[in-house]
Amino acid sequence: MSDYKKVETTGAVWDAIMAAHRSQLTVFSSFSDPSGTMFGGGGQRGRMETAYGFNDADYPLIEAKTTWDIDRMKPYERVDEQHQYWLCLPQKDED
């Protein structure tokens, strides 16, 4: 979606929104590549992304991305897991 911009935020903001509104939020989009092999990834870095918003909204409210290194000997373990969080801000229509 190009009708909103993402502003990076913190895990604390993500946690607060999820704690207060979890039952009201729905998944707007999701992408999973836990094996790190999609799009020529080579199986070295796993990735998951999810955007949540209110049921009746046109755009998501928050988005998160988690990445981790994949140890070929223990592919089920997430090594050096890192998280990024964003607030999704709708953009004004430019007339």
PDB file of N, CA and C in Angstrom:
ATOM      1  N   MET A   1       0.840  -1.179   0.000  1.00  0.00           N
ATOM      2  CA  MET A   1       0.000   0.000   0.000  1.00  0.00           C
ATOM      3  C   MET A   1       0.885   1.241   0.000  1.00  0.00           C
ATOM      4  N   SER A   2       0.587   2.143  -0.852  1.00  0.00           N
ATOM      5  CA  SER A   2       1.378   3.364  -0.908  1.00  0.00           C
ATOM      6  C   SER A   2       0.635   4.550  -0.295  1.00  0.00           C
ATOM      7  N   ASP A   3      -0.538   4.310   0.278  1.00  0.00           N
ATOM      8  CA  ASP A   3      -1.331   5.391   0.842  1.00  0.00           C
ATOM      9  C   ASP A   3      -1.021   5.660   2.312  1.00  0.00           C
ATOM     10  N   TYR A   4       0.022   5.042   2.819  1.00  0.00           N
ATOM     11  CA  TYR A   4       0.452   5.331   4.178  1.00  0.00           C
ATOM     12  C   TYR A   4       1.969   5.270   4.240  1.00  0.00           C
ATOM     13  N   LYS A   5       2.510   5.954   5.230  1.00  0.00           N
ATOM     14  CA  LYS A   5       3.952   5.873   5.433  1.00  0.00           C
ATOM     15  C   LYS A   5       4.201   5.215   6.778  1.00  0.00           C
ATOM     16  N   LYS A   6       5.377   4.614   6.903  1.00  0.00           N
ATOM     17  CA  LYS A   6       5.739   3.952   8.147  1.00  0.00           C
ATOM     18  C   LYS A   6       6.725   4.820   8.920  1.00  0.00           C
ATOM     19  N   VAL A   7       6.463   4.931  10.217  1.00  0.00           N
ATOM     20  CA  VAL A   7       7.348   5.660  11.119  1.00  0.00           C
ATOM     21  C   VAL A   7       7.870   4.646  12.134  1.00  0.00           C
ATOM     22  N   GLU A   8       9.185   4.487  12.170  1.00  0.00           N
ATOM     23  CA  GLU A   8       9.752   3.499  13.085  1.00  0.00           C
ATOM     24  C   GLU A   8       9.434   3.866  14.529  1.00  0.00           C
ATOM     25  N   THR A   9       9.131   2.842  15.328  1.00  0.00           N
ATOM     26  CA  THR A   9       8.808   3.034  16.735  1.00  0.00           C
ATOM     27  C   THR A   9       9.531   1.973  17.560  1.00  0.00           C
ATOM     28  N   THR A  10       9.142   1.841  18.806  1.00  0.00           N
ATOM     29  CA  THR A  10       9.823   0.930  19.714  1.00  0.00           C
ATOM     30  C   THR A  10       8.973  -0.291  20.039  1.00  0.00           C
ATOM     31  N   GLY A  11       9.621  -1.291  20.601  1.00  0.00           N
ATOM     32  CA  GLY A  11       8.903  -2.463  21.069  1.00  0.00           C
ATOM     33  C   GLY A  11       7.925  -2.131  22.178  1.00  0.00           C
ATOM     34  N   ALA A  12       8.247  -1.123  22.981  1.00  0.00           N
ATOM     35  CA  ALA A  12       7.346  -0.712  24.061  1.00  0.00           C
ATOM     36  C   ALA A  12       6.034  -0.158  23.510  1.00  0.00           C
ATOM     37  N   VAL A  13       6.103   0.594  22.427  1.00  0.00           N
ATOM     38  CA  VAL A  13       4.891   1.122  21.792  1.00  0.00           C
ATOM     39  C   VAL A  13       4.082  -0.037  21.208  1.00  0.00           C
ATOM     40  N   TRP A  14       4.747  -0.943  20.505  1.00  0.00           N
ATOM     41  CA  TRP A  14       4.090  -2.132  19.960  1.00  0.00           C
ATOM     42  C   TRP A  14       3.372  -2.899  21.073  1.00  0.00           C
ATOM     43  N   ASP A  15       4.087  -3.164  22.165  1.00  0.00           N
ATOM     44  CA  ASP A  15       3.518  -3.923  23.280  1.00  0.00           C
ATOM     45  C   ASP A  15       2.303  -3.223  23.879  1.00  0.00           C
ATOM     46  N   ALA A  16       2.379  -1.905  24.031  1.00  0.00           N
ATOM     47  CA  ALA A  16       1.267  -1.158  24.617  1.00  0.00           C
ATOM     48  C   ALA A  16       0.029  -1.213  23.720  1.00  0.00           C
ATOM     49  N   ILE A  17       0.220  -1.044  22.421  1.00  0.00           N
ATOM     50  CA  ILE A  17      -0.917  -1.099  21.495  1.00  0.00           C
ATOM     51  C   ILE A  17      -1.523  -2.494  21.482  1.00  0.00           C
ATOM     52  N   MET A  18      -0.677  -3.509  21.434  1.00  0.00           N
ATOM     53  CA  MET A  18      -1.189  -4.877  21.419  1.00  0.00           C
ATOM     54  C   MET A  18      -1.907  -5.218  22.726  1.00  0.00           C
ATOM     55  N   ALA A  19      -1.380  -4.763  23.850  1.00  0.00           N
ATOM     56  CA  ALA A  19      -2.017  -5.032  25.143  1.00  0.00           C
ATOM     57  C   ALA A  19      -3.391  -4.369  25.235  1.00  0.00           C
ATOM     58  N   ALA A  20      -3.499  -3.171  24.720  1.00  0.00           N
ATOM     59  CA  ALA A  20      -4.746  -2.415  24.839  1.00  0.00           C
ATOM     60  C   ALA A  20      -5.792  -2.806  23.795  1.00  0.00           C
ATOM     61  N   HIS A  21      -5.338  -3.279  22.619  1.00  0.00           N
ATOM     62  CA  HIS A  21      -6.279  -3.444  21.502  1.00  0.00           C
ATOM     63  C   HIS A  21      -6.222  -4.794  20.796  1.00  0.00           C
ATOM     64  N   ARG A  22      -5.538  -5.763  21.343  1.00  0.00           N
ATOM     65  CA  ARG A  22      -5.335  -7.051  20.659  1.00  0.00           C
ATOM     66  C   ARG A  22      -6.636  -7.634  20.110  1.00  0.00           C
ATOM     67  N   SER A  23      -7.691  -7.618  20.890  1.00  0.00           N
ATOM     68  CA  SER A  23      -8.956  -8.235  20.451  1.00  0.00           C
ATOM     69  C   SER A  23      -9.634  -7.436  19.339  1.00  0.00           C
ATOM     70  N   GLN A  24      -9.231  -6.176  19.144  1.00  0.00           N
ATOM     71  CA  GLN A  24      -9.839  -5.330  18.114  1.00  0.00           C
ATOM     72  C   GLN A  24      -9.025  -5.321  16.810  1.00  0.00           C
ATOM     73  N   LEU A  25      -7.819  -5.850  16.859  1.00  0.00           N
ATOM     74  CA  LEU A  25      -6.929  -5.795  15.690  1.00  0.00           C
ATOM     75  C   LEU A  25      -7.025  -7.062  14.865  1.00  0.00           C
ATOM     76  N   THR A  26      -6.834  -6.888  13.577  1.00  0.00           N
ATOM     77  CA  THR A  26      -6.824  -8.015  12.655  1.00  0.00           C
ATOM     78  C   THR A  26      -5.568  -7.916  11.785  1.00  0.00           C
ATOM     79  N   VAL A  27      -5.154  -9.026  11.232  1.00  0.00           N
ATOM     80  CA  VAL A  27      -3.977  -9.023  10.362  1.00  0.00           C
ATOM     81  C   VAL A  27      -4.349  -8.390   9.026  1.00  0.00           C
ATOM     82  N   PHE A  28      -3.622  -7.363   8.627  1.00  0.00           N
ATOM     83  CA  PHE A  28      -3.819  -6.715   7.331  1.00  0.00           C
ATOM     84  C   PHE A  28      -2.956  -7.377   6.266  1.00  0.00           C
ATOM     85  N   SER A  29      -1.744  -7.753   6.651  1.00  0.00           N
ATOM     86  CA  SER A  29      -0.856  -8.458   5.727  1.00  0.00           C
ATOM     87  C   SER A  29       0.165  -9.228   6.539  1.00  0.00           C
ATOM     88  N   SER A  30       0.691 -10.277   5.917  1.00  0.00           N
ATOM     89  CA  SER A  30       1.680 -11.095   6.599  1.00  0.00           C
ATOM     90  C   SER A  30       2.592 -11.723   5.560  1.00  0.00           C
ATOM     91  N   PHE A  31       3.858 -11.830   5.911  1.00  0.00           N
ATOM     92  CA  PHE A  31       4.847 -12.478   5.054  1.00  0.00           C
ATOM     93  C   PHE A  31       5.739 -13.322   5.943  1.00  0.00           C
ATOM     94  N   SER A  32       5.918 -14.589   5.574  1.00  0.00           N
ATOM     95  CA  SER A  32       6.767 -15.488   6.350  1.00  0.00           C
ATOM     96  C   SER A  32       7.784 -16.162   5.446  1.00  0.00           C
ATOM     97  N   ASP A  33       9.022 -16.111   5.854  1.00  0.00           N
ATOM     98  CA  ASP A  33      10.096 -16.848   5.182  1.00  0.00           C
ATOM     99  C   ASP A  33      11.026 -17.402   6.258  1.00  0.00           C
ATOM    100  N   PRO A  34      10.521 -18.326   7.090  1.00  0.00           N
ATOM    101  CA  PRO A  34      11.329 -18.827   8.195  1.00  0.00           C
ATOM    102  C   PRO A  34      12.553 -19.629   7.752  1.00  0.00           C
ATOM    103  N   SER A  35      12.528 -20.142   6.533  1.00  0.00           N
ATOM    104  CA  SER A  35      13.678 -20.910   6.039  1.00  0.00           C
ATOM    105  C   SER A  35      14.708 -20.023   5.346  1.00  0.00           C
ATOM    106  N   GLY A  36      14.328 -18.786   5.044  1.00  0.00           N
ATOM    107  CA  GLY A  36      15.247 -17.856   4.395  1.00  0.00           C
ATOM    108  C   GLY A  36      15.561 -18.195   2.948  1.00  0.00           C
ATOM    109  N   THR A  37      14.683 -18.957   2.302  1.00  0.00           N
ATOM    110  CA  THR A  37      14.962 -19.393   0.930  1.00  0.00           C
ATOM    111  C   THR A  37      14.119 -18.712  -0.148  1.00  0.00           C
ATOM    112  N   MET A  38      13.134 -17.936   0.259  1.00  0.00           N
ATOM    113  CA  MET A  38      12.293 -17.275  -0.745  1.00  0.00           C
ATOM    114  C   MET A  38      13.060 -16.162  -1.444  1.00  0.00           C
ATOM    115  N   PHE A  39      12.737 -15.943  -2.668  1.00  0.00           N
ATOM    116  CA  PHE A  39      13.330 -14.854  -3.461  1.00  0.00           C
ATOM    117  C   PHE A  39      14.854 -14.921  -3.483  1.00  0.00           C
ATOM    118  N   GLY A  40      15.387 -16.130  -3.541  1.00  0.00           N
ATOM    119  CA  GLY A  40      16.835 -16.302  -3.634  1.00  0.00           C
ATOM    120  C   GLY A  40      17.573 -16.000  -2.352  1.00  0.00           C
ATOM    121  N   GLY A  41      16.926 -16.190  -1.214  1.00  0.00           N
ATOM    122  CA  GLY A  41      17.518 -15.848   0.074  1.00  0.00           C
ATOM    123  C   GLY A  41      18.683 -16.707   0.510  1.00  0.00           C
ATOM    124  N   GLY A  42      18.838 -17.879  -0.035  1.00  0.00           N
ATOM    125  CA  GLY A  42      19.985 -18.712   0.280  1.00  0.00           C
ATOM    126  C   GLY A  42      19.931 -19.423   1.619  1.00  0.00           C
ATOM    127  N   GLY A  43      18.845 -19.285   2.351  1.00  0.00           N
ATOM    128  CA  GLY A  43      18.691 -20.006   3.607  1.00  0.00           C
ATOM    129  C   GLY A  43      19.558 -19.522   4.748  1.00  0.00           C
ATOM    130  N   GLN A  44      20.002 -18.279   4.707  1.00  0.00           N
ATOM    131  CA  GLN A  44      20.887 -17.762   5.752  1.00  0.00           C
ATOM    132  C   GLN A  44      20.181 -16.877   6.772  1.00  0.00           C
ATOM    133  N   ARG A  45      19.074 -16.258   6.365  1.00  0.00           N
ATOM    134  CA  ARG A  45      18.393 -15.308   7.249  1.00  0.00           C
ATOM    135  C   ARG A  45      16.879 -15.480   7.119  1.00  0.00           C
ATOM    136  N   GLY A  46      16.230 -15.819   8.223  1.00  0.00           N
ATOM    137  CA  GLY A  46      14.778 -15.951   8.243  1.00  0.00           C
ATOM    138  C   GLY A  46      14.124 -14.593   8.435  1.00  0.00           C
ATOM    139  N   ARG A  47      12.852 -14.514   8.028  1.00  0.00           N
ATOM    140  CA  ARG A  47      12.155 -13.235   8.097  1.00  0.00           C
ATOM    141  C   ARG A  47      10.651 -13.455   8.222  1.00  0.00           C
ATOM    142  N   MET A  48      10.034 -12.645   9.083  1.00  0.00           N
ATOM    143  CA  MET A  48       8.583 -12.637   9.203  1.00  0.00           C
ATOM    144  C   MET A  48       8.141 -11.195   9.364  1.00  0.00           C
ATOM    145  N   GLU A  49       7.062 -10.831   8.676  1.00  0.00           N
ATOM    146  CA  GLU A  49       6.518  -9.477   8.755  1.00  0.00           C
ATOM    147  C   GLU A  49       5.004  -9.574   8.894  1.00  0.00           C
ATOM    148  N   THR A  50       4.448  -8.725   9.757  1.00  0.00           N
ATOM    149  CA  THR A  50       2.998  -8.708   9.942  1.00  0.00           C
ATOM    150  C   THR A  50       2.540  -7.280  10.199  1.00  0.00           C
ATOM    151  N   ALA A  51       1.431  -6.907   9.574  1.00  0.00           N
ATOM    152  CA  ALA A  51       0.799  -5.606   9.795  1.00  0.00           C
ATOM    153  C   ALA A  51      -0.590  -5.846  10.373  1.00  0.00           C
ATOM    154  N   TYR A  52      -0.931  -5.072  11.410  1.00  0.00           N
ATOM    155  CA  TYR A  52      -2.225  -5.184  12.079  1.00  0.00           C
ATOM    156  C   TYR A  52      -2.964  -3.854  12.001  1.00  0.00           C
ATOM    157  N   GLY A  53      -4.280  -3.948  11.937  1.00  0.00           N
ATOM    158  CA  GLY A  53      -5.109  -2.757  11.961  1.00  0.00           C
ATOM    159  C   GLY A  53      -6.477  -3.078  12.535  1.00  0.00           C
ATOM    160  N   PHE A  54      -7.264  -2.038  12.746  1.00  0.00           N
ATOM    161  CA  PHE A  54      -8.623  -2.238  13.227  1.00  0.00           C
ATOM    162  C   PHE A  54      -9.487  -2.802  12.101  1.00  0.00           C
ATOM    163  N   ASN A  55     -10.454  -3.611  12.457  1.00  0.00           N
ATOM    164  CA  ASN A  55     -11.299  -4.302  11.481  1.00  0.00           C
ATOM    165  C   ASN A  55     -11.919  -3.376  10.444  1.00  0.00           C
ATOM    166  N   ASP A  56     -12.361  -2.208  10.853  1.00  0.00           N
ATOM    167  CA  ASP A  56     -13.063  -1.317   9.938  1.00  0.00           C
ATOM    168  C   ASP A  56     -12.161  -0.254   9.317  1.00  0.00           C
ATOM    169  N   ALA A  57     -10.861  -0.367   9.481  1.00  0.00           N
ATOM    170  CA  ALA A  57      -9.923   0.629   8.955  1.00  0.00           C
ATOM    171  C   ALA A  57      -9.502   0.292   7.527  1.00  0.00           C
ATOM    172  N   ASP A  58      -9.091   1.309   6.801  1.00  0.00           N
ATOM    173  CA  ASP A  58      -8.608   1.119   5.435  1.00  0.00           C
ATOM    174  C   ASP A  58      -7.129   0.767   5.385  1.00  0.00           C
ATOM    175  N   TYR A  59      -6.400   1.087   6.457  1.00  0.00           N
ATOM    176  CA  TYR A  59      -4.956   0.883   6.490  1.00  0.00           C
ATOM    177  C   TYR A  59      -4.555   0.256   7.813  1.00  0.00           C
ATOM    178  N   PRO A  60      -3.413  -0.397   7.843  1.00  0.00           N
ATOM    179  CA  PRO A  60      -2.946  -0.949   9.121  1.00  0.00           C
ATOM    180  C   PRO A  60      -2.552   0.160  10.084  1.00  0.00           C
ATOM    181  N   LEU A  61      -2.452  -0.199  11.338  1.00  0.00           N
ATOM    182  CA  LEU A  61      -2.048   0.722  12.401  1.00  0.00           C
ATOM    183  C   LEU A  61      -0.574   0.520  12.772  1.00  0.00           C
ATOM    184  N   ILE A  62      -0.170  -0.750  12.846  1.00  0.00           N
ATOM    185  CA  ILE A  62       1.192  -1.087  13.252  1.00  0.00           C
ATOM    186  C   ILE A  62       1.736  -2.216  12.373  1.00  0.00           C
ATOM    187  N   GLU A  63       3.043  -2.275  12.296  1.00  0.00           N
ATOM    188  CA  GLU A  63       3.696  -3.321  11.508  1.00  0.00           C
ATOM    189  C   GLU A  63       4.964  -3.744  12.238  1.00  0.00           C
ATOM    190  N   ALA A  64       5.296  -5.030  12.133  1.00  0.00           N
ATOM    191  CA  ALA A  64       6.506  -5.547  12.768  1.00  0.00           C
ATOM    192  C   ALA A  64       7.257  -6.439  11.789  1.00  0.00           C
ATOM    193  N   LYS A  65       8.566  -6.442  11.931  1.00  0.00           N
ATOM    194  CA  LYS A  65       9.433  -7.311  11.134  1.00  0.00           C
ATOM    195  C   LYS A  65      10.427  -7.966  12.080  1.00  0.00           C
ATOM    196  N   THR A  66      10.546  -9.272  11.980  1.00  0.00           N
ATOM    197  CA  THR A  66      11.510 -10.032  12.760  1.00  0.00           C
ATOM    198  C   THR A  66      12.429 -10.752  11.798  1.00  0.00           C
ATOM    199  N   THR A  67      13.721 -10.655  12.032  1.00  0.00           N
ATOM    200  CA  THR A  67      14.712 -11.369  11.227  1.00  0.00           C
ATOM    201  C   THR A  67      15.654 -12.117  12.163  1.00  0.00           C
ATOM    202  N   TRP A  68      16.248 -13.174  11.642  1.00  0.00           N
ATOM    203  CA  TRP A  68      17.194 -13.952  12.441  1.00  0.00           C
ATOM    204  C   TRP A  68      18.116 -14.738  11.512  1.00  0.00           C
ATOM    205  N   ASP A  69      19.296 -15.069  12.036  1.00  0.00           N
ATOM    206  CA  ASP A  69      20.235 -15.917  11.311  1.00  0.00           C
ATOM    207  C   ASP A  69      19.803 -17.365  11.464  1.00  0.00           C
ATOM    208  N   ILE A  70      20.065 -18.165  10.433  1.00  0.00           N
ATOM    209  CA  ILE A  70      19.706 -19.573  10.450  1.00  0.00           C
ATOM    210  C   ILE A  70      20.984 -20.404  10.561  1.00  0.00           C
ATOM    211  N   ASP A  71      21.057 -21.194  11.607  1.00  0.00           N
ATOM    212  CA  ASP A  71      22.151 -22.133  11.804  1.00  0.00           C
ATOM    213  C   ASP A  71      21.748 -23.433  11.106  1.00  0.00           C
ATOM    214  N   ARG A  72      22.471 -23.820  10.095  1.00  0.00           N
ATOM    215  CA  ARG A  72      22.091 -25.010   9.311  1.00  0.00           C
ATOM    216  C   ARG A  72      22.064 -26.286  10.162  1.00  0.00           C
ATOM    217  N   MET A  73      22.831 -26.311  11.242  1.00  0.00           N
ATOM    218  CA  MET A  73      22.829 -27.486  12.123  1.00  0.00           C
ATOM    219  C   MET A  73      21.615 -27.490  13.058  1.00  0.00           C
ATOM    220  N   LYS A  74      21.059 -26.314  13.332  1.00  0.00           N
ATOM    221  CA  LYS A  74      19.880 -26.170  14.192  1.00  0.00           C
ATOM    222  C   LYS A  74      18.921 -25.169  13.549  1.00  0.00           C
ATOM    223  N   PRO A  75      18.319 -25.511  12.421  1.00  0.00           N
ATOM    224  CA  PRO A  75      17.485 -24.538  11.702  1.00  0.00           C
ATOM    225  C   PRO A  75      16.247 -24.086  12.469  1.00  0.00           C
ATOM    226  N   TYR A  76      15.882 -24.778  13.517  1.00  0.00           N
ATOM    227  CA  TYR A  76      14.713 -24.432  14.323  1.00  0.00           C
ATOM    228  C   TYR A  76      15.023 -23.342  15.349  1.00  0.00           C
ATOM    229  N   GLU A  77      16.299 -23.007  15.544  1.00  0.00           N
ATOM    230  CA  GLU A  77      16.680 -21.968  16.485  1.00  0.00           C
ATOM    231  C   GLU A  77      16.840 -20.636  15.764  1.00  0.00           C
ATOM    232  N   ARG A  78      16.376 -19.580  16.387  1.00  0.00           N
ATOM    233  CA  ARG A  78      16.522 -18.232  15.835  1.00  0.00           C
ATOM    234  C   ARG A  78      17.746 -17.576  16.463  1.00  0.00           C
ATOM    235  N   VAL A  79      18.794 -17.451  15.688  1.00  0.00           N
ATOM    236  CA  VAL A  79      20.045 -16.882  16.163  1.00  0.00           C
ATOM    237  C   VAL A  79      20.066 -15.390  15.836  1.00  0.00           C
ATOM    238  N   ASP A  80      20.486 -14.584  16.794  1.00  0.00           N
ATOM    239  CA  ASP A  80      20.585 -13.133  16.619  1.00  0.00           C
ATOM    240  C   ASP A  80      19.257 -12.542  16.113  1.00  0.00           C
ATOM    241  N   GLU A  81      18.172 -12.900  16.777  1.00  0.00           N
ATOM    242  CA  GLU A  81      16.851 -12.405  16.394  1.00  0.00           C
ATOM    243  C   GLU A  81      16.778 -10.896  16.606  1.00  0.00           C
ATOM    244  N   GLN A  82      16.255 -10.201  15.609  1.00  0.00           N
ATOM    245  CA  GLN A  82      16.122  -8.750  15.679  1.00  0.00           C
ATOM    246  C   GLN A  82      14.704  -8.354  15.280  1.00  0.00           C
ATOM    247  N   HIS A  83      14.193  -7.307  15.936  1.00  0.00           N
ATOM    248  CA  HIS A  83      12.827  -6.845  15.706  1.00  0.00           C
ATOM    249  C   HIS A  83      12.836  -5.381  15.300  1.00  0.00           C
ATOM    250  N   GLN A  84      11.925  -5.043  14.386  1.00  0.00           N
ATOM    251  CA  GLN A  84      11.681  -3.654  14.005  1.00  0.00           C
ATOM    252  C   GLN A  84      10.179  -3.434  14.057  1.00  0.00           C
ATOM    253  N   TYR A  85       9.779  -2.227  14.469  1.00  0.00           N
ATOM    254  CA  TYR A  85       8.364  -1.899  14.619  1.00  0.00           C
ATOM    255  C   TYR A  85       8.079  -0.553  13.972  1.00  0.00           C
ATOM    256  N   TRP A  86       6.871  -0.444  13.397  1.00  0.00           N
ATOM    257  CA  TRP A  86       6.468   0.811  12.771  1.00  0.00           C
ATOM    258  C   TRP A  86       5.021   1.136  13.116  1.00  0.00           C
ATOM    259  N   LEU A  87       4.741   2.422  13.193  1.00  0.00           N
ATOM    260  CA  LEU A  87       3.374   2.938  13.171  1.00  0.00           C
ATOM    261  C   LEU A  87       3.068   3.230  11.712  1.00  0.00           C
ATOM    262  N   CYS A  88       1.859   2.959  11.282  1.00  0.00           N
ATOM    263  CA  CYS A  88       1.463   3.189   9.893  1.00  0.00           C
ATOM    264  C   CYS A  88       0.560   4.425   9.859  1.00  0.00           C
ATOM    265  N   LEU A  89       1.017   5.449   9.163  1.00  0.00           N
ATOM    266  CA  LEU A  89       0.300   6.717   9.134  1.00  0.00           C
ATOM    267  C   LEU A  89      -0.313   6.963   7.765  1.00  0.00           C
ATOM    268  N   PRO A  90      -1.661   7.054   7.693  1.00  0.00           N
ATOM    269  CA  PRO A  90      -2.302   7.345   6.408  1.00  0.00           C
ATOM    270  C   PRO A  90      -1.821   8.682   5.862  1.00  0.00           C
ATOM    271  N   GLN A  91      -1.758   8.760   4.553  1.00  0.00           N
ATOM    272  CA  GLN A  91      -1.327   9.987   3.872  1.00  0.00           C
ATOM    273  C   GLN A  91      -2.548  10.741   3.361  1.00  0.00           C
ATOM    274  N   LYS A  92      -2.470  12.047   3.432  1.00  0.00           N
ATOM    275  CA  LYS A  92      -3.525  12.895   2.868  1.00  0.00           C
ATOM    276  C   LYS A  92      -3.551  12.765   1.361  1.00  0.00           C
ATOM    277  N   ASP A  93      -4.745  12.807   0.825  1.00  0.00           N
ATOM    278  CA  ASP A  93      -4.869  12.881  -0.625  1.00  0.00           C
ATOM    279  C   ASP A  93      -4.386  14.235  -1.083  1.00  0.00           C
ATOM    280  N   GLU A  94      -3.569  14.243  -2.103  1.00  0.00           N
ATOM    281  CA  GLU A  94      -3.095  15.520  -2.653  1.00  0.00           C
ATOM    282  C   GLU A  94      -3.951  15.866  -3.862  1.00  0.00           C
ATOM    283  N   ASP A  95      -4.692  16.948  -3.733  1.00  0.00           N
ATOM    284  CA  ASP A  95      -5.619  17.357  -4.814  1.00  0.00           C
ATOM    285  C   ASP A  95      -4.922  18.278  -5.807  1.00  0.00           C
TER     286      ASP A  95
END
